Amino acid sequence: MTFAFFLKRALPALTLAALSFSAAAHVGDAHDHGGLLTGFLHPITGLDHLAAMLAVGVWSAMTTKRLWVAPVSFAALLLAGALMAQAGVAFPAIEPMIAASMLVVGLLLAAQVKLPEAAGAVLVGAFALFHGAAHGQELADGAALAGMVLGTAVLHAVGIGMGLGLKRADHWLPRVAGGVVALMGLNMGWSLLAG
């Protein structure tokens, strides 16, 4: 994909998707969802989670040598957040924190910010707790939680692969992708404020 093609075809579609993205109301949508497949599909079918998890993988691949550290932290703390929510721990401002995660990770990717690996792992891990709390309120059993972690790992692996590919491509593509994720976070935050 050339940069010109991206500007003409993909960027307008991604921008429209980002701007039309509304707040995904995870909290309060606690249906009795269970099973490995349900859990696996849960992070993949939510645009907010999908964008954040892919962006973590892309950013990690593009800015660190041990590209697995931040994604492993995210997946581990995602599970911790889900288990804490299921145990009754109340997380404040889950949806705003999910919006903030998209904004921050999108900006990190757009600016190609290189953080020490431990700092990056702590940052994305803190956001992962809130993503996990959102999922934990919706998924009912251990198989669903295992599927959620597996789906997250797959998204991170895809993001890492995309990041490695983008390292060899036009240097503006990851910056534009990060900008789109950041716009999605801003739009979600705005929707939450307006709603």
N, C-alpha and C. Protein backbone atom coordinates (compact mmCIF):
# COMPACT_ATOMS: atom_id res chain seq x y z
N MET A 1 0.85 -1.17 0.00
CA MET A 1 0.00 0.00 0.00
C MET A 1 0.89 1.24 0.00
N THR A 2 0.72 2.09 -0.98
CA THR A 2 1.51 3.31 -1.04
C THR A 2 0.85 4.39 -0.20
N PHE A 3 1.63 5.39 0.14
CA PHE A 3 1.09 6.49 0.93
C PHE A 3 0.00 7.22 0.17
N ALA A 4 0.18 7.40 -1.14
CA ALA A 4 -0.83 8.08 -1.94
C ALA A 4 -2.14 7.28 -1.94
N PHE A 5 -2.05 5.95 -2.09
CA PHE A 5 -3.24 5.12 -2.04
C PHE A 5 -3.92 5.27 -0.69
N PHE A 6 -3.10 5.25 0.38
CA PHE A 6 -3.64 5.37 1.73
C PHE A 6 -4.40 6.69 1.89
N LEU A 7 -3.82 7.78 1.40
CA LEU A 7 -4.47 9.08 1.53
C LEU A 7 -5.77 9.14 0.74
N LYS A 8 -5.80 8.51 -0.44
CA LYS A 8 -6.98 8.59 -1.30
C LYS A 8 -8.09 7.64 -0.87
N ARG A 9 -7.75 6.46 -0.41
CA ARG A 9 -8.76 5.43 -0.17
C ARG A 9 -8.96 5.08 1.30
N ALA A 10 -7.90 4.69 1.97
CA ALA A 10 -8.04 4.17 3.33
C ALA A 10 -8.25 5.26 4.36
N LEU A 11 -7.51 6.35 4.27
CA LEU A 11 -7.61 7.41 5.28
C LEU A 11 -9.02 7.99 5.39
N PRO A 12 -9.70 8.33 4.28
CA PRO A 12 -11.06 8.85 4.43
C PRO A 12 -12.00 7.85 5.13
N ALA A 13 -11.89 6.59 4.78
CA ALA A 13 -12.75 5.59 5.41
C ALA A 13 -12.45 5.46 6.89
N LEU A 14 -11.16 5.43 7.25
CA LEU A 14 -10.79 5.35 8.66
C LEU A 14 -11.23 6.59 9.43
N THR A 15 -11.09 7.74 8.83
CA THR A 15 -11.50 8.98 9.49
C THR A 15 -13.00 9.00 9.72
N LEU A 16 -13.78 8.60 8.72
CA LEU A 16 -15.23 8.53 8.91
C LEU A 16 -15.60 7.55 10.00
N ALA A 17 -14.91 6.42 10.04
CA ALA A 17 -15.17 5.45 11.10
C ALA A 17 -14.86 6.04 12.47
N ALA A 18 -13.75 6.75 12.56
CA ALA A 18 -13.36 7.36 13.83
C ALA A 18 -14.36 8.41 14.27
N LEU A 19 -14.82 9.22 13.34
CA LEU A 19 -15.73 10.30 13.69
C LEU A 19 -17.15 9.82 13.95
N SER A 20 -17.51 8.69 13.37
CA SER A 20 -18.86 8.18 13.59
C SER A 20 -18.92 7.26 14.79
N PHE A 21 -17.79 6.99 15.40
CA PHE A 21 -17.71 6.08 16.54
C PHE A 21 -18.38 6.71 17.74
N SER A 22 -19.33 6.04 18.31
CA SER A 22 -20.00 6.57 19.50
C SER A 22 -19.58 5.77 20.72
N ALA A 23 -19.91 6.28 21.87
CA ALA A 23 -19.52 5.63 23.12
C ALA A 23 -20.15 4.24 23.19
N ALA A 24 -19.32 3.26 23.44
CA ALA A 24 -19.79 1.89 23.58
C ALA A 24 -20.12 1.66 25.04
N ALA A 25 -21.37 1.44 25.34
CA ALA A 25 -21.78 1.32 26.73
C ALA A 25 -21.56 -0.10 27.23
N HIS A 26 -20.36 -0.34 27.72
CA HIS A 26 -20.06 -1.65 28.29
C HIS A 26 -20.73 -1.81 29.65
N VAL A 27 -20.57 -0.80 30.48
CA VAL A 27 -21.04 -0.88 31.85
C VAL A 27 -22.56 -0.95 31.85
N GLY A 28 -23.08 -1.88 32.60
CA GLY A 28 -24.52 -2.04 32.68
C GLY A 28 -25.05 -3.00 31.63
N ASP A 29 -24.20 -3.49 30.76
CA ASP A 29 -24.61 -4.43 29.73
C ASP A 29 -24.19 -5.83 30.16
N ALA A 30 -24.41 -6.15 31.40
CA ALA A 30 -23.90 -7.40 31.98
C ALA A 30 -24.87 -8.54 31.70
N HIS A 31 -24.80 -9.09 30.53
CA HIS A 31 -25.58 -10.27 30.19
C HIS A 31 -24.79 -11.50 30.60
N ASP A 32 -25.43 -12.62 30.66
CA ASP A 32 -24.76 -13.84 31.09
C ASP A 32 -24.05 -14.46 29.88
N HIS A 33 -22.94 -13.85 29.46
CA HIS A 33 -22.19 -14.32 28.30
C HIS A 33 -21.11 -15.26 28.78
N GLY A 34 -21.00 -16.40 28.14
CA GLY A 34 -19.96 -17.35 28.52
C GLY A 34 -19.47 -18.14 27.34
N GLY A 35 -18.42 -18.90 27.57
CA GLY A 35 -17.85 -19.74 26.55
C GLY A 35 -16.59 -19.16 25.96
N LEU A 36 -15.70 -20.04 25.54
CA LEU A 36 -14.41 -19.65 25.00
C LEU A 36 -14.56 -18.77 23.76
N LEU A 37 -15.42 -19.17 22.83
CA LEU A 37 -15.59 -18.41 21.59
C LEU A 37 -16.16 -17.02 21.86
N THR A 38 -17.15 -16.95 22.75
CA THR A 38 -17.72 -15.65 23.11
C THR A 38 -16.64 -14.74 23.67
N GLY A 39 -15.84 -15.26 24.57
CA GLY A 39 -14.76 -14.48 25.15
C GLY A 39 -13.73 -14.06 24.12
N PHE A 40 -13.39 -14.97 23.21
CA PHE A 40 -12.41 -14.68 22.16
C PHE A 40 -12.89 -13.54 21.26
N LEU A 41 -14.16 -13.58 20.91
CA LEU A 41 -14.72 -12.57 19.99
C LEU A 41 -14.98 -11.23 20.68
N HIS A 42 -15.10 -11.24 22.00
CA HIS A 42 -15.48 -10.03 22.72
C HIS A 42 -14.55 -8.84 22.45
N PRO A 43 -13.23 -8.97 22.60
CA PRO A 43 -12.38 -7.81 22.32
C PRO A 43 -12.27 -7.50 20.83
N ILE A 44 -12.53 -8.48 19.98
CA ILE A 44 -12.39 -8.29 18.54
C ILE A 44 -13.60 -7.55 17.97
N THR A 45 -14.77 -7.75 18.55
CA THR A 45 -15.98 -7.14 18.01
C THR A 45 -16.28 -5.76 18.58
N GLY A 46 -15.56 -5.34 19.59
CA GLY A 46 -15.74 -3.99 20.13
C GLY A 46 -14.70 -3.07 19.52
N LEU A 47 -15.13 -2.08 18.75
CA LEU A 47 -14.20 -1.22 18.02
C LEU A 47 -13.22 -0.51 18.94
N ASP A 48 -13.68 -0.11 20.13
CA ASP A 48 -12.78 0.57 21.06
C ASP A 48 -11.67 -0.35 21.54
N HIS A 49 -12.01 -1.56 21.92
CA HIS A 49 -11.00 -2.51 22.37
C HIS A 49 -10.09 -2.93 21.22
N LEU A 50 -10.69 -3.20 20.07
CA LEU A 50 -9.93 -3.60 18.89
C LEU A 50 -8.86 -2.56 18.55
N ALA A 51 -9.26 -1.30 18.49
CA ALA A 51 -8.32 -0.23 18.13
C ALA A 51 -7.22 -0.10 19.17
N ALA A 52 -7.58 -0.13 20.44
CA ALA A 52 -6.58 0.04 21.50
C ALA A 52 -5.58 -1.11 21.49
N MET A 53 -6.06 -2.34 21.36
CA MET A 53 -5.17 -3.50 21.43
C MET A 53 -4.27 -3.60 20.21
N LEU A 54 -4.79 -3.31 19.04
CA LEU A 54 -3.94 -3.28 17.85
C LEU A 54 -2.89 -2.18 17.97
N ALA A 55 -3.31 -1.02 18.46
CA ALA A 55 -2.38 0.11 18.59
C ALA A 55 -1.26 -0.21 19.58
N VAL A 56 -1.58 -0.91 20.66
CA VAL A 56 -0.53 -1.31 21.62
C VAL A 56 0.50 -2.19 20.92
N GLY A 57 0.04 -3.15 20.13
CA GLY A 57 0.97 -4.02 19.41
C GLY A 57 1.81 -3.27 18.39
N VAL A 58 1.18 -2.40 17.61
CA VAL A 58 1.91 -1.63 16.60
C VAL A 58 2.94 -0.73 17.27
N TRP A 59 2.51 0.01 18.30
CA TRP A 59 3.41 0.93 19.00
C TRP A 59 4.59 0.18 19.61
N SER A 60 4.31 -0.94 20.23
CA SER A 60 5.37 -1.73 20.86
C SER A 60 6.38 -2.22 19.83
N ALA A 61 5.89 -2.71 18.70
CA ALA A 61 6.78 -3.22 17.66
C ALA A 61 7.64 -2.11 17.06
N MET A 62 7.11 -0.92 17.01
CA MET A 62 7.83 0.17 16.36
C MET A 62 8.79 0.92 17.27
N THR A 63 8.63 0.76 18.59
CA THR A 63 9.40 1.62 19.49
C THR A 63 10.26 0.88 20.51
N THR A 64 10.16 -0.45 20.60
CA THR A 64 10.94 -1.17 21.60
C THR A 64 11.66 -2.36 20.98
N LYS A 65 12.73 -2.80 21.66
CA LYS A 65 13.43 -4.00 21.21
C LYS A 65 12.71 -5.25 21.69
N ARG A 66 12.28 -5.24 22.94
CA ARG A 66 11.51 -6.38 23.47
C ARG A 66 10.03 -6.05 23.27
N LEU A 67 9.59 -6.26 22.04
CA LEU A 67 8.27 -5.82 21.61
C LEU A 67 7.12 -6.54 22.29
N TRP A 68 7.38 -7.57 23.03
CA TRP A 68 6.34 -8.35 23.70
C TRP A 68 6.00 -7.82 25.09
N VAL A 69 6.84 -6.95 25.68
CA VAL A 69 6.67 -6.55 27.09
C VAL A 69 5.34 -5.82 27.31
N ALA A 70 5.06 -4.78 26.56
CA ALA A 70 3.81 -4.02 26.76
C ALA A 70 2.58 -4.88 26.45
N PRO A 71 2.56 -5.65 25.35
CA PRO A 71 1.39 -6.49 25.11
C PRO A 71 1.15 -7.54 26.19
N VAL A 72 2.20 -8.15 26.72
CA VAL A 72 2.01 -9.14 27.79
C VAL A 72 1.47 -8.45 29.04
N SER A 73 1.99 -7.27 29.35
CA SER A 73 1.47 -6.50 30.48
C SER A 73 -0.01 -6.19 30.29
N PHE A 74 -0.37 -5.77 29.07
CA PHE A 74 -1.77 -5.44 28.79
C PHE A 74 -2.64 -6.67 29.00
N ALA A 75 -2.26 -7.80 28.43
CA ALA A 75 -3.09 -9.01 28.53
C ALA A 75 -3.22 -9.47 29.98
N ALA A 76 -2.12 -9.44 30.74
CA ALA A 76 -2.15 -9.89 32.13
C ALA A 76 -3.04 -8.98 32.98
N LEU A 77 -2.90 -7.67 32.80
CA LEU A 77 -3.70 -6.75 33.61
C LEU A 77 -5.13 -6.64 33.11
N LEU A 78 -5.38 -6.96 31.84
CA LEU A 78 -6.74 -7.08 31.34
C LEU A 78 -7.46 -8.17 32.11
N LEU A 79 -6.81 -9.32 32.26
CA LEU A 79 -7.40 -10.43 33.01
C LEU A 79 -7.58 -10.04 34.48
N ALA A 80 -6.57 -9.37 35.06
CA ALA A 80 -6.68 -8.95 36.45
C ALA A 80 -7.86 -8.01 36.65
N GLY A 81 -8.03 -7.06 35.73
CA GLY A 81 -9.16 -6.13 35.82
C GLY A 81 -10.49 -6.84 35.71
N ALA A 82 -10.58 -7.84 34.83
CA ALA A 82 -11.82 -8.60 34.67
C ALA A 82 -12.14 -9.38 35.94
N LEU A 83 -11.12 -10.03 36.50
CA LEU A 83 -11.34 -10.80 37.74
C LEU A 83 -11.71 -9.89 38.90
N MET A 84 -11.08 -8.73 38.98
CA MET A 84 -11.41 -7.78 40.05
C MET A 84 -12.85 -7.30 39.91
N ALA A 85 -13.28 -6.98 38.68
CA ALA A 85 -14.65 -6.53 38.47
C ALA A 85 -15.64 -7.62 38.83
N GLN A 86 -15.33 -8.86 38.47
CA GLN A 86 -16.22 -9.97 38.81
C GLN A 86 -16.27 -10.23 40.31
N ALA A 87 -15.19 -9.86 41.01
CA ALA A 87 -15.15 -10.03 42.46
C ALA A 87 -15.83 -8.87 43.19
N GLY A 88 -16.33 -7.89 42.44
CA GLY A 88 -17.06 -6.80 43.04
C GLY A 88 -16.28 -5.52 43.24
N VAL A 89 -15.04 -5.47 42.76
CA VAL A 89 -14.26 -4.23 42.86
C VAL A 89 -14.86 -3.21 41.89
N ALA A 90 -15.19 -2.05 42.43
CA ALA A 90 -15.80 -1.00 41.61
C ALA A 90 -14.71 -0.14 40.98
N PHE A 91 -14.71 -0.07 39.68
CA PHE A 91 -13.78 0.77 38.94
C PHE A 91 -14.49 2.06 38.56
N PRO A 92 -13.92 3.21 38.93
CA PRO A 92 -14.56 4.46 38.53
C PRO A 92 -14.26 4.78 37.06
N ALA A 93 -15.18 5.39 36.39
CA ALA A 93 -14.97 5.96 35.06
C ALA A 93 -14.38 4.96 34.06
N ILE A 94 -14.99 3.79 33.94
CA ILE A 94 -14.46 2.76 33.04
C ILE A 94 -14.44 3.26 31.59
N GLU A 95 -15.57 3.74 31.12
CA GLU A 95 -15.63 4.18 29.72
C GLU A 95 -14.72 5.37 29.44
N PRO A 96 -14.67 6.40 30.31
CA PRO A 96 -13.71 7.48 30.05
C PRO A 96 -12.26 7.00 30.03
N MET A 97 -11.92 6.02 30.86
CA MET A 97 -10.56 5.51 30.85
C MET A 97 -10.26 4.71 29.58
N ILE A 98 -11.27 4.03 29.06
CA ILE A 98 -11.09 3.33 27.78
C ILE A 98 -10.87 4.36 26.67
N ALA A 99 -11.65 5.44 26.69
CA ALA A 99 -11.45 6.52 25.71
C ALA A 99 -10.05 7.12 25.87
N ALA A 100 -9.63 7.34 27.11
CA ALA A 100 -8.29 7.90 27.37
C ALA A 100 -7.21 6.95 26.87
N SER A 101 -7.43 5.65 27.01
CA SER A 101 -6.42 4.69 26.54
C SER A 101 -6.23 4.80 25.04
N MET A 102 -7.33 4.95 24.31
CA MET A 102 -7.23 5.08 22.86
C MET A 102 -6.54 6.38 22.49
N LEU A 103 -6.87 7.46 23.20
CA LEU A 103 -6.23 8.74 22.93
C LEU A 103 -4.73 8.67 23.20
N VAL A 104 -4.35 8.15 24.35
CA VAL A 104 -2.93 8.13 24.74
C VAL A 104 -2.13 7.18 23.86
N VAL A 105 -2.61 5.96 23.66
CA VAL A 105 -1.86 5.01 22.83
C VAL A 105 -1.81 5.49 21.39
N GLY A 106 -2.90 6.08 20.91
CA GLY A 106 -2.89 6.65 19.56
C GLY A 106 -1.86 7.75 19.41
N LEU A 107 -1.77 8.62 20.42
CA LEU A 107 -0.78 9.69 20.37
C LEU A 107 0.64 9.15 20.48
N LEU A 108 0.84 8.14 21.34
CA LEU A 108 2.17 7.52 21.44
C LEU A 108 2.60 6.95 20.09
N LEU A 109 1.67 6.30 19.41
CA LEU A 109 1.97 5.73 18.10
C LEU A 109 2.19 6.83 17.07
N ALA A 110 1.33 7.83 17.05
CA ALA A 110 1.45 8.91 16.07
C ALA A 110 2.77 9.66 16.24
N ALA A 111 3.19 9.87 17.48
CA ALA A 111 4.42 10.60 17.75
C ALA A 111 5.65 9.70 17.81
N GLN A 112 5.43 8.39 17.70
CA GLN A 112 6.53 7.41 17.79
C GLN A 112 7.33 7.59 19.08
N VAL A 113 6.63 7.78 20.18
CA VAL A 113 7.25 8.00 21.48
C VAL A 113 7.90 6.70 21.95
N LYS A 114 9.17 6.80 22.31
CA LYS A 114 9.91 5.64 22.83
C LYS A 114 10.03 5.80 24.34
N LEU A 115 9.33 4.94 25.06
CA LEU A 115 9.40 4.92 26.52
C LEU A 115 10.28 3.75 26.95
N PRO A 116 10.87 3.83 28.16
CA PRO A 116 11.51 2.63 28.69
C PRO A 116 10.47 1.50 28.74
N GLU A 117 10.90 0.28 28.47
CA GLU A 117 9.95 -0.83 28.36
C GLU A 117 9.09 -0.99 29.60
N ALA A 118 9.68 -0.81 30.78
CA ALA A 118 8.91 -0.94 32.01
C ALA A 118 7.85 0.15 32.11
N ALA A 119 8.20 1.37 31.73
CA ALA A 119 7.24 2.47 31.78
C ALA A 119 6.09 2.23 30.79
N GLY A 120 6.41 1.76 29.60
CA GLY A 120 5.38 1.45 28.62
C GLY A 120 4.46 0.35 29.11
N ALA A 121 5.05 -0.67 29.75
CA ALA A 121 4.25 -1.78 30.28
C ALA A 121 3.32 -1.31 31.39
N VAL A 122 3.81 -0.45 32.25
CA VAL A 122 2.97 0.08 33.34
C VAL A 122 1.85 0.94 32.77
N LEU A 123 2.16 1.79 31.81
CA LEU A 123 1.16 2.67 31.22
C LEU A 123 0.04 1.88 30.56
N VAL A 124 0.39 0.98 29.66
CA VAL A 124 -0.67 0.23 28.98
C VAL A 124 -1.36 -0.73 29.94
N GLY A 125 -0.62 -1.24 30.92
CA GLY A 125 -1.23 -2.13 31.91
C GLY A 125 -2.27 -1.42 32.75
N ALA A 126 -2.01 -0.17 33.10
CA ALA A 126 -2.99 0.60 33.87
C ALA A 126 -4.29 0.76 33.07
N PHE A 127 -4.16 1.07 31.79
CA PHE A 127 -5.36 1.18 30.96
C PHE A 127 -6.04 -0.19 30.79
N ALA A 128 -5.24 -1.25 30.73
CA ALA A 128 -5.80 -2.59 30.55
C ALA A 128 -6.71 -2.99 31.70
N LEU A 129 -6.41 -2.52 32.91
CA LEU A 129 -7.29 -2.81 34.04
C LEU A 129 -8.73 -2.37 33.74
N PHE A 130 -8.87 -1.20 33.13
CA PHE A 130 -10.20 -0.67 32.83
C PHE A 130 -10.86 -1.43 31.67
N HIS A 131 -10.06 -1.78 30.66
CA HIS A 131 -10.61 -2.63 29.59
C HIS A 131 -11.07 -3.96 30.18
N GLY A 132 -10.27 -4.51 31.08
CA GLY A 132 -10.64 -5.78 31.72
C GLY A 132 -11.88 -5.66 32.57
N ALA A 133 -12.01 -4.55 33.30
CA ALA A 133 -13.21 -4.35 34.12
C ALA A 133 -14.46 -4.29 33.24
N ALA A 134 -14.35 -3.63 32.09
CA ALA A 134 -15.49 -3.58 31.16
C ALA A 134 -15.85 -4.98 30.69
N HIS A 135 -14.85 -5.77 30.31
CA HIS A 135 -15.11 -7.13 29.86
C HIS A 135 -15.59 -8.01 31.00
N GLY A 136 -15.01 -7.85 32.17
CA GLY A 136 -15.35 -8.69 33.31
C GLY A 136 -16.80 -8.55 33.73
N GLN A 137 -17.37 -7.38 33.51
CA GLN A 137 -18.77 -7.18 33.84
C GLN A 137 -19.70 -7.83 32.82
N GLU A 138 -19.15 -8.20 31.66
CA GLU A 138 -19.98 -8.74 30.58
C GLU A 138 -19.81 -10.25 30.39
N LEU A 139 -18.68 -10.78 30.79
CA LEU A 139 -18.39 -12.20 30.55
C LEU A 139 -18.63 -12.99 31.84
N ALA A 140 -19.22 -14.16 31.68
CA ALA A 140 -19.73 -14.86 32.86
C ALA A 140 -18.81 -15.90 33.46
N ASP A 141 -17.97 -16.54 32.69
CA ASP A 141 -17.26 -17.68 33.26
C ASP A 141 -15.78 -17.70 32.88
N GLY A 142 -15.08 -18.67 33.45
CA GLY A 142 -13.64 -18.79 33.22
C GLY A 142 -13.28 -19.05 31.78
N ALA A 143 -14.09 -19.83 31.08
CA ALA A 143 -13.81 -20.09 29.67
C ALA A 143 -13.91 -18.81 28.85
N ALA A 144 -14.89 -17.97 29.17
CA ALA A 144 -15.04 -16.70 28.46
C ALA A 144 -13.84 -15.79 28.74
N LEU A 145 -13.38 -15.77 29.99
CA LEU A 145 -12.21 -14.94 30.33
C LEU A 145 -10.96 -15.45 29.63
N ALA A 146 -10.81 -16.78 29.55
CA ALA A 146 -9.66 -17.35 28.83
C ALA A 146 -9.74 -16.97 27.36
N GLY A 147 -10.93 -17.03 26.79
CA GLY A 147 -11.11 -16.62 25.40
C GLY A 147 -10.79 -15.16 25.20
N MET A 148 -11.17 -14.31 26.17
CA MET A 148 -10.88 -12.88 26.09
C MET A 148 -9.37 -12.64 26.05
N VAL A 149 -8.64 -13.33 26.91
CA VAL A 149 -7.18 -13.16 26.94
C VAL A 149 -6.57 -13.67 25.63
N LEU A 150 -7.07 -14.78 25.13
CA LEU A 150 -6.59 -15.33 23.86
C LEU A 150 -6.88 -14.35 22.71
N GLY A 151 -8.09 -13.81 22.67
CA GLY A 151 -8.44 -12.83 21.63
C GLY A 151 -7.56 -11.60 21.71
N THR A 152 -7.27 -11.16 22.93
CA THR A 152 -6.39 -10.02 23.13
C THR A 152 -4.99 -10.32 22.64
N ALA A 153 -4.49 -11.52 22.96
CA ALA A 153 -3.15 -11.91 22.51
C ALA A 153 -3.07 -11.95 21.00
N VAL A 154 -4.12 -12.44 20.35
CA VAL A 154 -4.15 -12.47 18.89
C VAL A 154 -4.12 -11.05 18.33
N LEU A 155 -4.91 -10.15 18.92
CA LEU A 155 -4.91 -8.76 18.44
C LEU A 155 -3.55 -8.11 18.63
N HIS A 156 -2.91 -8.37 19.77
CA HIS A 156 -1.57 -7.83 19.98
C HIS A 156 -0.58 -8.40 18.96
N ALA A 157 -0.68 -9.70 18.69
CA ALA A 157 0.23 -10.33 17.72
C ALA A 157 0.01 -9.72 16.33
N VAL A 158 -1.25 -9.51 15.96
CA VAL A 158 -1.54 -8.87 14.67
C VAL A 158 -0.97 -7.46 14.66
N GLY A 159 -1.15 -6.73 15.76
CA GLY A 159 -0.61 -5.38 15.86
C GLY A 159 0.91 -5.37 15.76
N ILE A 160 1.57 -6.32 16.41
CA ILE A 160 3.03 -6.42 16.32
C ILE A 160 3.44 -6.69 14.87
N GLY A 161 2.73 -7.61 14.22
CA GLY A 161 3.03 -7.89 12.81
C GLY A 161 2.84 -6.65 11.94
N MET A 162 1.76 -5.93 12.20
CA MET A 162 1.52 -4.69 11.44
C MET A 162 2.64 -3.68 11.71
N GLY A 163 3.05 -3.57 12.98
CA GLY A 163 4.11 -2.64 13.33
C GLY A 163 5.42 -2.97 12.67
N LEU A 164 5.75 -4.26 12.64
CA LEU A 164 6.99 -4.67 11.98
C LEU A 164 6.93 -4.38 10.49
N GLY A 165 5.76 -4.60 9.89
CA GLY A 165 5.59 -4.28 8.47
C GLY A 165 5.66 -2.79 8.21
N LEU A 166 5.05 -2.02 9.10
CA LEU A 166 5.05 -0.56 8.92
C LEU A 166 6.42 0.05 9.14
N LYS A 167 7.28 -0.63 9.90
CA LYS A 167 8.65 -0.13 10.08
C LYS A 167 9.38 -0.03 8.75
N ARG A 168 9.03 -0.94 7.84
CA ARG A 168 9.69 -0.99 6.54
C ARG A 168 8.93 -0.18 5.49
N ALA A 169 7.77 0.32 5.85
CA ALA A 169 6.93 1.05 4.90
C ALA A 169 7.12 2.55 5.09
N ASP A 170 6.26 3.29 4.48
CA ASP A 170 6.26 4.74 4.60
C ASP A 170 6.14 5.13 6.07
N HIS A 171 7.01 5.99 6.54
CA HIS A 171 7.02 6.34 7.97
C HIS A 171 5.79 7.14 8.41
N TRP A 172 4.98 7.61 7.46
CA TRP A 172 3.79 8.36 7.83
C TRP A 172 2.60 7.46 8.13
N LEU A 173 2.59 6.25 7.63
CA LEU A 173 1.44 5.37 7.84
C LEU A 173 1.17 5.10 9.32
N PRO A 174 2.17 4.72 10.12
CA PRO A 174 1.87 4.49 11.53
C PRO A 174 1.45 5.77 12.25
N ARG A 175 1.99 6.89 11.82
CA ARG A 175 1.60 8.16 12.44
C ARG A 175 0.13 8.47 12.15
N VAL A 176 -0.29 8.23 10.92
CA VAL A 176 -1.69 8.46 10.55
C VAL A 176 -2.59 7.47 11.30
N ALA A 177 -2.17 6.20 11.37
CA ALA A 177 -2.96 5.20 12.10
C ALA A 177 -3.09 5.59 13.57
N GLY A 178 -2.00 6.04 14.17
CA GLY A 178 -2.07 6.49 15.56
C GLY A 178 -3.00 7.68 15.71
N GLY A 179 -2.96 8.59 14.74
CA GLY A 179 -3.86 9.74 14.78
C GLY A 179 -5.32 9.33 14.70
N VAL A 180 -5.62 8.32 13.88
CA VAL A 180 -6.99 7.83 13.77
C VAL A 180 -7.45 7.22 15.10
N VAL A 181 -6.58 6.43 15.74
CA VAL A 181 -6.93 5.84 17.04
C VAL A 181 -7.14 6.94 18.08
N ALA A 182 -6.27 7.95 18.07
CA ALA A 182 -6.43 9.07 19.01
C ALA A 182 -7.75 9.80 18.75
N LEU A 183 -8.10 10.01 17.48
CA LEU A 183 -9.38 10.63 17.15
C LEU A 183 -10.56 9.81 17.65
N MET A 184 -10.44 8.49 17.54
CA MET A 184 -11.49 7.62 18.06
C MET A 184 -11.65 7.82 19.57
N GLY A 185 -10.52 7.91 20.27
CA GLY A 185 -10.57 8.14 21.71
C GLY A 185 -11.20 9.48 22.06
N LEU A 186 -10.81 10.52 21.31
CA LEU A 186 -11.41 11.85 21.53
C LEU A 186 -12.90 11.82 21.27
N ASN A 187 -13.31 11.18 20.19
CA ASN A 187 -14.72 11.11 19.85
C ASN A 187 -15.51 10.34 20.89
N MET A 188 -14.94 9.24 21.38
CA MET A 188 -15.62 8.46 22.41
C MET A 188 -15.75 9.30 23.68
N GLY A 189 -14.68 9.99 24.06
CA GLY A 189 -14.72 10.85 25.24
C GLY A 189 -15.76 11.95 25.09
N TRP A 190 -15.79 12.57 23.91
CA TRP A 190 -16.78 13.62 23.65
C TRP A 190 -18.20 13.07 23.72
N SER A 191 -18.41 11.89 23.17
CA SER A 191 -19.73 11.27 23.21
C SER A 191 -20.16 10.99 24.64
N LEU A 192 -19.22 10.57 25.47
CA LEU A 192 -19.54 10.31 26.87
C LEU A 192 -19.89 11.60 27.60
N LEU A 193 -19.17 12.67 27.31
CA LEU A 193 -19.45 13.97 27.94
C LEU A 193 -20.79 14.53 27.49
N ALA A 194 -21.07 14.37 26.19
CA ALA A 194 -22.30 14.92 25.64
C ALA A 194 -23.53 14.10 26.05
N GLY A 195 -23.31 12.80 26.32
CA GLY A 195 -24.43 11.91 26.63
C GLY A 195 -24.76 11.98 28.05
